Amino acid sequence: MFAQVIDGSIVQTASSVQKMFPNTSFAGSPNADFLRENNVMDVVNAEKKNDQYYFVTQGDISLVDGVPTQAFTNTAKRLVDEDAKDADGNQLYVQVWDADANDGEGGMVDTSEKQISYGLKTTMTAQVKNTANSALAGTDWMVIRKAERDVAIPSATATYRAAVLTECTRLESAIAGAGDVDALQTVMEGQNWPQES
């Protein structure tokens, strides 16, 4: 993205210099002299956080210390679960099919089970458990064999499985203890799963 800045104001923006100057022919791309003479600058991005943890919305392009800057609004996603509500704030419930509803025509009816909007801690804990389960799946047969026929699990496999479970437990505890979204992101970026030897 490019911006043309004249007298301390952005006069136009475009995805290419060619779009800013449609009547100008360029052999290849515009050179640095053309850009400087026409006050054309690259637009830089303001802080744009990870959209796995934040709702990120694009704002306006404005001058920040003389540099055209694309603004973003970063709103942290919810950490903890909460009851799901409709637009009017009413509790939502899990629905099931009832053949007798609507005078026998059938339809969906509410149960007494509340719908839950899951927060990041729940989804990240599930992700960690899934990673651990996937890591262990390849050697689960050895555990079953041990239980059914008392065939020893190789020590390297037992060590690996113990390390996977230890890392899963560590991460679950760290996720539960994360006080804000940035702390949770740090936990998730610090995963240290063992490698199977």
Protein backbone atom coordinates (compact mmCIF):
# COMPACT_ATOMS: atom_id res chain seq x y z
CA MET A 1 0.00 0.00 0.00
CA PHE A 2 1.22 3.47 -0.88
CA ALA A 3 0.26 6.96 0.21
CA GLN A 4 0.95 10.32 -1.36
CA VAL A 5 1.72 12.90 1.32
CA ILE A 6 1.60 16.60 0.47
CA ASP A 7 1.92 19.45 2.98
CA GLY A 8 1.59 17.10 5.95
CA SER A 9 -1.59 15.41 4.69
CA ILE A 10 -2.35 12.17 2.92
CA VAL A 11 -3.95 13.12 -0.40
CA GLN A 12 -4.40 9.62 -1.80
CA THR A 13 -3.69 5.97 -1.10
CA ALA A 14 -3.58 2.99 -3.44
CA SER A 15 -2.36 -0.57 -3.61
CA SER A 16 0.13 0.36 -6.33
CA VAL A 17 1.87 3.47 -7.62
CA GLN A 18 0.44 2.73 -11.07
CA LYS A 19 -3.08 3.16 -9.64
CA MET A 20 -2.05 6.51 -8.12
CA PHE A 21 -0.63 7.71 -11.44
CA PRO A 22 -2.66 5.89 -14.11
CA ASN A 23 -1.51 8.18 -16.92
CA THR A 24 2.18 7.60 -16.22
CA SER A 25 4.08 4.83 -17.95
CA PHE A 26 6.66 2.96 -15.89
CA ALA A 27 9.29 0.66 -17.32
CA GLY A 28 9.06 -1.93 -14.56
CA SER A 29 8.36 -0.28 -11.24
CA PRO A 30 8.68 3.41 -10.39
CA ASN A 31 12.17 4.38 -9.31
CA ALA A 32 13.09 6.00 -6.01
CA ASP A 33 13.47 9.44 -7.61
CA PHE A 34 9.90 9.37 -8.96
CA LEU A 35 8.54 8.30 -5.58
CA ARG A 36 10.49 11.02 -3.74
CA GLU A 37 9.55 13.77 -6.24
CA ASN A 38 5.86 12.83 -5.94
CA ASN A 39 5.94 12.38 -2.16
CA VAL A 40 4.90 8.72 -2.40
CA MET A 41 5.63 6.62 0.66
CA ASP A 42 5.04 3.03 1.72
CA VAL A 43 2.24 2.66 4.24
CA VAL A 44 3.46 0.90 7.39
CA ASN A 45 1.27 -1.09 9.73
CA ALA A 46 0.61 -0.08 13.31
CA GLU A 47 0.50 -2.87 15.86
CA LYS A 48 -1.61 -5.75 14.57
CA LYS A 49 -1.93 -8.48 17.17
CA ASN A 50 -2.40 -12.19 16.57
CA ASP A 51 -6.00 -12.80 15.50
CA GLN A 52 -6.02 -16.14 17.29
CA TYR A 53 -6.10 -14.14 20.54
CA TYR A 54 -7.53 -10.78 19.41
CA PHE A 55 -10.34 -9.49 17.25
CA VAL A 56 -8.38 -7.31 14.82
CA THR A 57 -10.14 -4.61 12.84
CA GLN A 58 -8.51 -2.42 10.27
CA GLY A 59 -8.86 1.31 10.76
CA ASP A 60 -7.85 4.37 8.78
CA ILE A 61 -4.49 5.29 7.35
CA SER A 62 -3.12 8.41 9.01
CA LEU A 63 0.20 10.14 9.48
CA VAL A 64 2.11 9.09 12.58
CA ASP A 65 5.30 11.11 13.01
CA GLY A 66 5.15 11.92 9.30
CA VAL A 67 4.79 8.28 8.24
CA PRO A 68 1.57 6.98 6.65
CA THR A 69 0.39 4.28 9.04
CA GLN A 70 -2.41 1.73 8.76
CA ALA A 71 -4.23 1.64 12.10
CA PHE A 72 -5.64 -1.52 13.67
CA THR A 73 -7.90 -2.00 16.66
CA ASN A 74 -6.93 -5.06 18.71
CA THR A 75 -9.63 -6.26 21.08
CA ALA A 76 -8.72 -9.20 23.32
CA LYS A 77 -10.89 -12.27 23.00
CA ARG A 78 -12.59 -13.64 26.10
CA LEU A 79 -10.44 -15.84 28.34
CA VAL A 80 -13.14 -17.73 30.21
CA ASP A 81 -16.39 -19.46 29.29
CA GLU A 82 -19.70 -17.69 29.68
CA ASP A 83 -23.33 -18.48 29.10
CA ALA A 84 -24.41 -17.89 25.48
CA LYS A 85 -26.97 -15.09 25.09
CA ASP A 86 -29.04 -13.82 22.20
CA ALA A 87 -28.96 -10.21 20.98
CA ASP A 88 -31.43 -9.24 23.71
CA GLY A 89 -29.35 -10.81 26.48
CA ASN A 90 -31.57 -13.88 26.94
CA GLN A 91 -29.97 -17.22 27.79
CA LEU A 92 -29.66 -19.64 24.88
CA TYR A 93 -30.29 -23.35 25.42
CA VAL A 94 -29.24 -26.45 23.54
CA GLN A 95 -32.03 -27.45 21.18
CA VAL A 96 -33.23 -30.89 20.12
CA TRP A 97 -35.75 -32.14 17.58
CA ASP A 98 -39.21 -32.85 18.99
CA ALA A 99 -41.63 -34.56 16.62
CA ASP A 100 -44.58 -33.41 18.78
CA ALA A 101 -43.66 -29.69 18.67
CA ASN A 102 -45.65 -27.21 16.58
CA ASP A 103 -48.92 -29.15 16.89
CA GLY A 104 -47.35 -32.40 15.74
CA GLU A 105 -45.44 -30.96 12.78
CA GLY A 106 -42.16 -31.25 14.65
CA GLY A 107 -39.51 -28.69 15.34
CA MET A 108 -36.56 -27.73 17.46
CA VAL A 109 -37.21 -27.12 21.16
CA ASP A 110 -35.02 -25.87 23.98
CA THR A 111 -33.65 -28.30 26.55
CA SER A 112 -32.67 -27.29 30.06
CA GLU A 113 -28.97 -27.40 29.06
CA LYS A 114 -27.48 -23.95 28.65
CA GLN A 115 -25.40 -23.13 25.57
CA ILE A 116 -21.88 -22.04 26.48
CA SER A 117 -19.63 -19.61 24.62
CA TYR A 118 -16.19 -21.05 25.15
CA GLY A 119 -13.33 -18.76 26.07
CA LEU A 120 -9.71 -19.00 24.96
CA LYS A 121 -8.64 -20.99 28.03
CA THR A 122 -11.07 -23.79 27.18
CA THR A 123 -10.15 -23.88 23.50
CA MET A 124 -6.40 -23.73 24.20
CA THR A 125 -6.66 -26.48 26.84
CA ALA A 126 -8.49 -28.65 24.31
CA GLN A 127 -5.79 -27.90 21.74
CA VAL A 128 -3.03 -28.93 24.17
CA LYS A 129 -4.85 -32.15 25.08
CA ASN A 130 -5.35 -32.92 21.39
CA THR A 131 -1.63 -32.39 20.74
CA ALA A 132 -0.75 -34.72 23.61
CA ASN A 133 -3.25 -37.36 22.45
CA SER A 134 -1.86 -37.20 18.91
CA ALA A 135 1.70 -37.55 20.23
CA LEU A 136 0.74 -40.58 22.34
CA ALA A 137 -1.49 -42.28 19.76
CA GLY A 138 1.39 -43.92 17.92
CA THR A 139 2.51 -45.81 21.01
CA ASP A 140 -0.84 -46.48 22.66
CA TRP A 141 -0.73 -50.02 21.31
CA MET A 142 2.29 -50.70 23.51
CA VAL A 143 0.31 -49.68 26.60
CA ILE A 144 -2.56 -51.94 25.56
CA ARG A 145 -0.13 -54.78 24.88
CA LYS A 146 1.39 -54.27 28.33
CA ALA A 147 -2.05 -54.37 29.98
CA GLU A 148 -3.29 -57.37 28.04
CA ARG A 149 -0.18 -59.54 27.73
CA ASP A 150 2.29 -58.02 30.19
CA VAL A 151 4.82 -57.21 27.43
CA ALA A 152 7.20 -54.52 28.64
CA ILE A 153 7.04 -51.04 27.14
CA PRO A 154 10.51 -50.03 25.84
CA SER A 155 12.14 -47.59 28.25
CA ALA A 156 12.63 -44.92 25.54
CA THR A 157 8.90 -45.09 24.77
CA ALA A 158 7.94 -44.92 28.43
CA THR A 159 10.24 -41.90 28.90
CA TYR A 160 8.78 -40.19 25.84
CA ARG A 161 5.19 -40.81 26.94
CA ALA A 162 5.95 -39.50 30.44
CA ALA A 163 7.51 -36.35 28.94
CA VAL A 164 4.44 -35.76 26.76
CA LEU A 165 2.14 -36.08 29.77
CA THR A 166 4.37 -33.80 31.84
CA GLU A 167 4.32 -31.11 29.14
CA CYS A 168 0.54 -31.44 28.78
CA THR A 169 0.07 -31.04 32.55
CA ARG A 170 2.46 -28.06 32.63
CA LEU A 171 0.61 -26.33 29.81
CA GLU A 172 -2.84 -27.00 31.26
CA SER A 173 -1.74 -25.48 34.55
CA ALA A 174 -0.14 -22.47 32.85
CA ILE A 175 -3.25 -21.90 30.72
CA ALA A 176 -5.47 -22.01 33.81
CA GLY A 177 -3.19 -19.50 35.54
CA ALA A 178 -2.91 -17.04 32.64
CA GLY A 179 -4.20 -13.68 33.86
CA ASP A 180 -4.74 -12.08 30.46
CA VAL A 181 -4.65 -12.83 26.75
CA ASP A 182 -0.99 -11.80 26.38
CA ALA A 183 0.00 -14.20 29.17
CA LEU A 184 -1.99 -16.97 27.49
CA GLN A 185 -0.30 -16.27 24.16
CA THR A 186 3.10 -16.49 25.88
CA VAL A 187 2.14 -19.88 27.33
CA MET A 188 1.02 -21.20 23.96
CA GLU A 189 4.13 -19.92 22.20
CA GLY A 190 6.26 -21.62 24.87
CA GLN A 191 5.07 -25.16 24.17
CA ASN A 192 7.96 -27.59 24.45
CA TRP A 193 6.75 -30.99 23.30
CA PRO A 194 9.33 -33.79 23.42
CA GLN A 195 10.47 -35.46 20.22
CA GLU A 196 10.05 -39.19 19.92
CA SER A 197 13.42 -40.88 19.58
